[in-house]
């Protein structure tokens, strides 16, 4: 279910809301990320993505889907030659299983955003 707290303060069209409804019906949840108040967040499991309107009838990704540490979006980088997800001083090793899950999250969301 979509709630007002997870929605940014810009006008969404009926088409945007229909896309969000389709995304939620496929197991994603609305999520608010205060550092990114100009975007809508969606989350599934350990991963999240930011969405913004693309015209009157579409939504698009803002950046890349991310791993979530606490309630923050972590970036994927490398430390000491190993892939990691990092938020400030916290990091989580980007294991092959997590990277595979991230790829599945990204592909599923991309398919739902296609016109």
Protein backbone atom coordinates (compact mmCIF):
# COMPACT_ATOMS: atom_id res chain seq x y z
CA UNK A 1 0.00 0.00 0.00
CA UNK A 2 1.31 3.44 -0.91
CA UNK A 3 1.39 6.03 1.85
CA UNK A 4 1.94 9.78 1.85
CA UNK A 5 5.09 9.61 3.98
CA UNK A 6 6.91 7.67 1.26
CA UNK A 7 5.96 10.10 -1.49
CA UNK A 8 8.01 13.16 -2.44
CA UNK A 9 6.46 16.58 -2.70
CA UNK A 10 5.90 16.78 -6.45
CA UNK A 11 2.78 16.10 -8.43
CA UNK A 12 2.34 12.54 -9.60
CA UNK A 13 0.05 11.76 -12.50
CA UNK A 14 -2.41 8.88 -12.65
CA UNK A 15 0.08 7.11 -14.93
CA UNK A 16 2.87 7.47 -12.34
CA UNK A 17 0.59 6.08 -9.63
CA UNK A 18 -0.36 3.15 -11.85
CA UNK A 19 3.32 2.30 -12.36
CA UNK A 20 3.94 2.52 -8.60
CA UNK A 21 0.94 0.27 -8.00
CA UNK A 22 2.35 -2.28 -10.45
CA UNK A 23 5.75 -2.13 -8.72
CA UNK A 24 4.20 -2.63 -5.27
CA UNK A 25 2.08 -5.53 -6.58
CA UNK A 26 5.33 -7.27 -7.56
CA UNK A 27 6.76 -7.25 -4.04
CA UNK A 28 8.45 -3.86 -3.79
CA UNK A 29 7.58 -1.45 -0.98
CA UNK A 30 7.57 2.36 -1.03
CA UNK A 31 10.43 3.77 1.02
CA UNK A 32 11.44 7.27 2.05
CA UNK A 33 15.09 8.33 1.95
CA UNK A 34 15.30 11.83 3.48
CA UNK A 35 18.61 12.62 1.78
CA UNK A 36 16.82 12.12 -1.54
CA UNK A 37 13.56 13.93 -0.86
CA UNK A 38 13.14 14.80 -4.55
CA UNK A 39 12.76 11.12 -5.48
CA UNK A 40 10.46 8.22 -4.63
CA UNK A 41 12.13 5.23 -3.04
CA UNK A 42 11.19 1.61 -3.59
CA UNK A 43 12.67 -1.25 -1.64
CA UNK A 44 12.69 -5.03 -1.76
CA UNK A 45 14.72 -7.00 0.74
CA UNK A 46 18.20 -5.54 1.18
CA UNK A 47 18.02 -3.30 -1.88
CA UNK A 48 16.41 -0.02 -2.86
CA UNK A 49 16.18 2.36 -5.79
CA UNK A 50 15.16 5.94 -6.36
CA UNK A 51 12.56 6.84 -8.98
CA UNK A 52 11.69 10.17 -10.55
CA UNK A 53 9.06 11.17 -13.10
CA UNK A 54 10.11 11.07 -16.75
CA UNK A 55 7.40 13.11 -18.38
CA UNK A 56 3.72 12.65 -17.62
CA UNK A 57 3.52 8.90 -18.17
CA UNK A 58 6.79 7.27 -17.10
CA UNK A 59 9.11 6.84 -14.15
CA UNK A 60 12.85 6.33 -14.43
CA UNK A 61 15.68 5.33 -12.13
CA UNK A 62 17.65 8.10 -10.49
CA UNK A 63 21.12 6.60 -10.32
CA UNK A 64 21.60 2.89 -9.73
CA UNK A 65 19.82 0.52 -7.35
CA UNK A 66 21.65 0.28 -4.02
CA UNK A 67 22.24 -1.94 -1.03
CA UNK A 68 20.65 -0.50 2.12
CA UNK A 69 22.73 -0.11 5.29
CA UNK A 70 20.48 0.89 8.20
CA UNK A 71 18.09 3.25 6.47
CA UNK A 72 20.65 4.67 4.05
CA UNK A 73 21.59 3.91 0.47
CA UNK A 74 25.10 2.50 0.24
CA UNK A 75 27.37 2.85 -2.77
CA UNK A 76 29.16 -0.06 -4.37
CA UNK A 77 32.90 0.36 -4.53
CA UNK A 78 36.13 -1.57 -3.92
CA UNK A 79 38.26 -1.65 -0.78
CA UNK A 80 41.50 -3.58 -0.61
CA UNK A 81 40.62 -5.08 -3.98
CA UNK A 82 37.27 -6.47 -2.78
CA UNK A 83 33.81 -5.22 -3.78
CA UNK A 84 31.91 -3.63 -0.88
CA UNK A 85 28.79 -1.60 -0.21
CA UNK A 86 29.63 1.52 1.83
CA UNK A 87 27.67 4.11 3.79
CA UNK A 88 29.94 6.53 5.67
CA UNK A 89 32.06 4.37 8.03
CA UNK A 90 29.94 1.23 7.62
CA UNK A 91 30.57 -1.36 4.95
CA UNK A 92 29.26 -4.74 3.91
CA UNK A 93 31.16 -7.14 1.67
CA UNK A 94 29.52 -7.40 -1.75
CA UNK A 95 29.48 -11.18 -1.90
CA UNK A 96 28.63 -13.00 -5.14
CA UNK A 97 25.21 -13.85 -3.64
CA UNK A 98 24.48 -10.18 -2.82
CA UNK A 99 25.63 -9.06 -6.25
CA UNK A 100 23.38 -11.66 -7.86
CA UNK A 101 20.46 -10.46 -5.71
CA UNK A 102 21.21 -6.85 -6.70
CA UNK A 103 21.23 -7.85 -10.38
CA UNK A 104 17.85 -9.58 -9.97
CA UNK A 105 16.41 -6.55 -8.13
CA UNK A 106 17.69 -4.24 -10.89
CA UNK A 107 16.36 -6.40 -13.73
CA UNK A 108 12.96 -6.86 -12.10
CA UNK A 109 12.56 -3.13 -11.48
CA UNK A 110 13.78 -2.21 -14.97
CA UNK A 111 11.19 -4.54 -16.50
CA UNK A 112 8.43 -2.90 -14.43
CA UNK A 113 9.52 0.57 -15.57
CA UNK A 114 9.38 -0.29 -19.28
CA UNK A 115 6.55 1.38 -21.16
